[in-house]
């Protein structure tokens, strides 16, 4: 008996080459995307943490700035005493904030999300109002008047009947 050799099918070879090309293309795209993400990450710095962590960093930064602040208004005599008072206030503020952050870290994330939603709603309202202000002066084409109460002189003022 004879051994049969598998016959080579040209259509199968083309399909395999197409699959290899598609895989190579997908791999190259994934590598490019990963490189672009890494580049953007290095440009922007580390991603922000939770809202509680951000608040901790803010409190620490403000505390450092206030502790190092030299007041020229107080002069040389009151300077050290004023700095000590500032340090004490900063330490009390940190002591008050830290337990709240520890107990309720999710609350700050929720408040941050709510703040973002309020900001988006405010921007939308302002954008719509500005659009009305900029396009509201021109009415539909073909009207004979500028609108009710407009004077004959065509000025920007509106005529008000006081009688």
Protein backbone atom coordinates (compact mmCIF):
# COMPACT_ATOMS: atom_id res chain seq x y z
CA UNK A 1 0.00 0.00 0.00
CA UNK A 2 1.14 3.41 -0.68
CA UNK A 3 1.23 6.39 1.53
CA UNK A 4 -0.81 9.28 0.40
CA UNK A 5 0.70 12.67 0.48
CA UNK A 6 -1.57 15.52 1.26
CA UNK A 7 -2.21 17.57 -1.80
CA UNK A 8 -1.60 21.25 -1.52
CA UNK A 9 -4.71 23.30 -2.02
CA UNK A 10 -3.94 26.81 -3.36
CA UNK A 11 -7.14 28.22 -1.87
CA UNK A 12 -6.20 26.97 1.60
CA UNK A 13 -2.74 28.52 1.29
CA UNK A 14 -4.24 31.89 0.36
CA UNK A 15 -6.63 31.66 3.31
CA UNK A 16 -3.76 30.84 5.69
CA UNK A 17 -1.68 33.73 4.32
CA UNK A 18 -4.68 36.07 4.71
CA UNK A 19 -5.16 34.93 8.30
CA UNK A 20 -1.46 35.49 8.97
CA UNK A 21 -1.65 38.96 7.41
CA UNK A 22 -4.75 39.82 9.44
CA UNK A 23 -3.08 38.60 12.63
CA UNK A 24 0.06 40.57 11.83
CA UNK A 25 -2.04 43.65 11.11
CA UNK A 26 -3.98 43.25 14.37
CA UNK A 27 -0.74 42.73 16.29
CA UNK A 28 0.85 45.81 14.72
CA UNK A 29 -2.24 47.90 15.50
CA UNK A 30 -2.27 46.69 19.10
CA UNK A 31 1.43 47.52 19.47
CA UNK A 32 0.90 51.00 18.00
CA UNK A 33 -2.05 51.61 20.31
CA UNK A 34 -0.06 50.48 23.35
CA UNK A 35 2.85 52.74 22.34
CA UNK A 36 0.51 55.71 21.88
CA UNK A 37 -1.12 55.10 25.27
CA UNK A 38 2.31 54.89 26.90
CA UNK A 39 3.36 58.14 25.22
CA UNK A 40 0.21 59.96 26.36
CA UNK A 41 0.57 58.52 29.86
CA UNK A 42 4.14 59.82 30.09
CA UNK A 43 3.02 63.26 28.82
CA UNK A 44 0.10 63.55 31.26
CA UNK A 45 1.70 62.03 34.33
CA UNK A 46 0.11 59.44 36.57
CA UNK A 47 -3.65 59.00 36.37
CA UNK A 48 -5.65 60.61 39.15
CA UNK A 49 -6.50 58.45 42.13
CA UNK A 50 -9.73 58.37 44.01
CA UNK A 51 -11.30 61.61 45.17
CA UNK A 52 -10.29 60.83 48.75
CA UNK A 53 -6.64 60.43 47.72
CA UNK A 54 -6.80 63.66 45.74
CA UNK A 55 -8.25 65.48 48.77
CA UNK A 56 -5.47 64.09 50.98
CA UNK A 57 -2.86 65.35 48.54
CA UNK A 58 -4.56 68.75 48.39
CA UNK A 59 -4.63 69.05 52.17
CA UNK A 60 -0.97 68.02 52.38
CA UNK A 61 0.05 70.53 49.70
CA UNK A 62 -1.89 73.37 51.30
CA UNK A 63 -0.45 72.45 54.70
CA UNK A 64 3.09 72.50 53.32
CA UNK A 65 2.53 75.87 51.67
CA UNK A 66 0.99 77.41 54.78
CA UNK A 67 3.70 76.04 57.04
CA UNK A 68 6.44 77.51 54.88
CA UNK A 69 4.71 80.86 54.47
CA UNK A 70 6.64 83.83 55.83
CA UNK A 71 4.42 86.77 56.71
CA UNK A 72 6.08 90.15 56.06
CA UNK A 73 3.17 91.92 57.77
CA UNK A 74 3.86 90.39 61.17
CA UNK A 75 7.49 91.44 61.31
CA UNK A 76 10.38 89.67 62.99
CA UNK A 77 8.90 89.49 66.49
CA UNK A 78 5.59 87.80 65.73
CA UNK A 79 6.97 85.63 62.91
CA UNK A 80 7.91 82.49 64.86
CA UNK A 81 4.77 82.63 67.00
CA UNK A 82 2.58 83.10 63.92
CA UNK A 83 4.27 80.20 62.15
CA UNK A 84 3.71 77.99 65.18
CA UNK A 85 0.01 78.98 65.22
CA UNK A 86 -0.29 78.20 61.50
CA UNK A 87 1.35 74.80 62.00
CA UNK A 88 -1.03 74.03 64.85
CA UNK A 89 -4.08 74.98 62.77
CA UNK A 90 -2.81 72.87 59.87
CA UNK A 91 -2.28 69.86 62.12
CA UNK A 92 -5.78 70.25 63.56
CA UNK A 93 -7.25 70.46 60.06
CA UNK A 94 -5.38 67.33 59.00
CA UNK A 95 -6.54 65.53 62.14
CA UNK A 96 -10.14 66.49 61.36
CA UNK A 97 -10.02 65.54 57.67
CA UNK A 98 -8.17 62.22 57.90
CA UNK A 99 -10.81 60.25 59.91
CA UNK A 100 -13.54 61.45 57.56
CA UNK A 101 -11.53 60.27 54.57
CA UNK A 102 -10.86 56.91 56.19
CA UNK A 103 -14.51 56.27 57.07
CA UNK A 104 -16.10 57.51 53.84
CA UNK A 105 -13.77 57.23 50.83
CA UNK A 106 -16.66 56.37 48.48
CA UNK A 107 -18.58 59.49 49.47
CA UNK A 108 -15.90 61.68 47.94
CA UNK A 109 -15.98 59.71 44.68
CA UNK A 110 -19.76 60.15 44.64
CA UNK A 111 -19.46 63.89 45.32
CA UNK A 112 -16.84 64.23 42.59
CA UNK A 113 -19.12 62.45 40.09
CA UNK A 114 -22.06 64.65 41.12
CA UNK A 115 -19.89 67.73 40.71
CA UNK A 116 -18.90 66.61 37.21
CA UNK A 117 -22.57 66.13 36.32
CA UNK A 118 -23.44 69.59 37.64
CA UNK A 119 -20.57 71.11 35.69
CA UNK A 120 -21.73 69.39 32.49
CA UNK A 121 -25.30 70.65 33.02
CA UNK A 122 -24.04 74.18 33.68
CA UNK A 123 -21.87 74.13 30.55
CA UNK A 124 -24.81 72.91 28.48
CA UNK A 125 -27.09 75.65 29.82
CA UNK A 126 -24.49 78.35 29.23
CA UNK A 127 -23.77 77.03 25.74
CA UNK A 128 -27.47 77.05 24.83
CA UNK A 129 -27.94 80.56 26.23
CA UNK A 130 -24.91 81.89 24.37
CA UNK A 131 -26.20 80.34 21.16
CA UNK A 132 -29.56 82.11 21.65
CA UNK A 133 -27.77 85.39 22.29
CA UNK A 134 -25.62 85.13 19.19
CA UNK A 135 -28.26 83.81 16.77
CA UNK A 136 -31.43 85.21 18.37
CA UNK A 137 -31.12 88.67 16.79
CA UNK A 138 -31.75 87.44 13.27
CA UNK A 139 -35.31 86.31 12.72
CA UNK A 140 -36.72 84.31 9.83
CA UNK A 141 -35.97 85.74 6.40
CA UNK A 142 -38.62 87.85 4.73
CA UNK A 143 -40.13 89.54 7.80
CA UNK A 144 -40.88 93.20 7.31
CA UNK A 145 -40.13 94.36 10.88
CA UNK A 146 -37.45 93.77 13.42
CA UNK A 147 -40.02 92.49 15.88
CA UNK A 148 -42.56 93.94 18.30
CA UNK A 149 -41.61 97.13 20.06
CA UNK A 150 -38.70 97.99 17.79
CA UNK A 151 -38.29 101.60 16.86
CA UNK A 152 -38.30 102.99 13.36
CA UNK A 153 -34.69 104.15 13.53
CA UNK A 154 -33.35 100.59 13.52
CA UNK A 155 -31.23 101.13 16.65
CA UNK A 156 -30.52 98.43 19.20
CA UNK A 157 -32.98 99.84 21.76
CA UNK A 158 -36.55 98.75 22.24
CA UNK A 159 -39.45 101.20 22.34
CA UNK A 160 -41.50 100.90 25.54
CA UNK A 161 -44.97 102.47 25.70
CA UNK A 162 -45.37 104.07 29.14
CA UNK A 163 -49.05 105.09 28.77
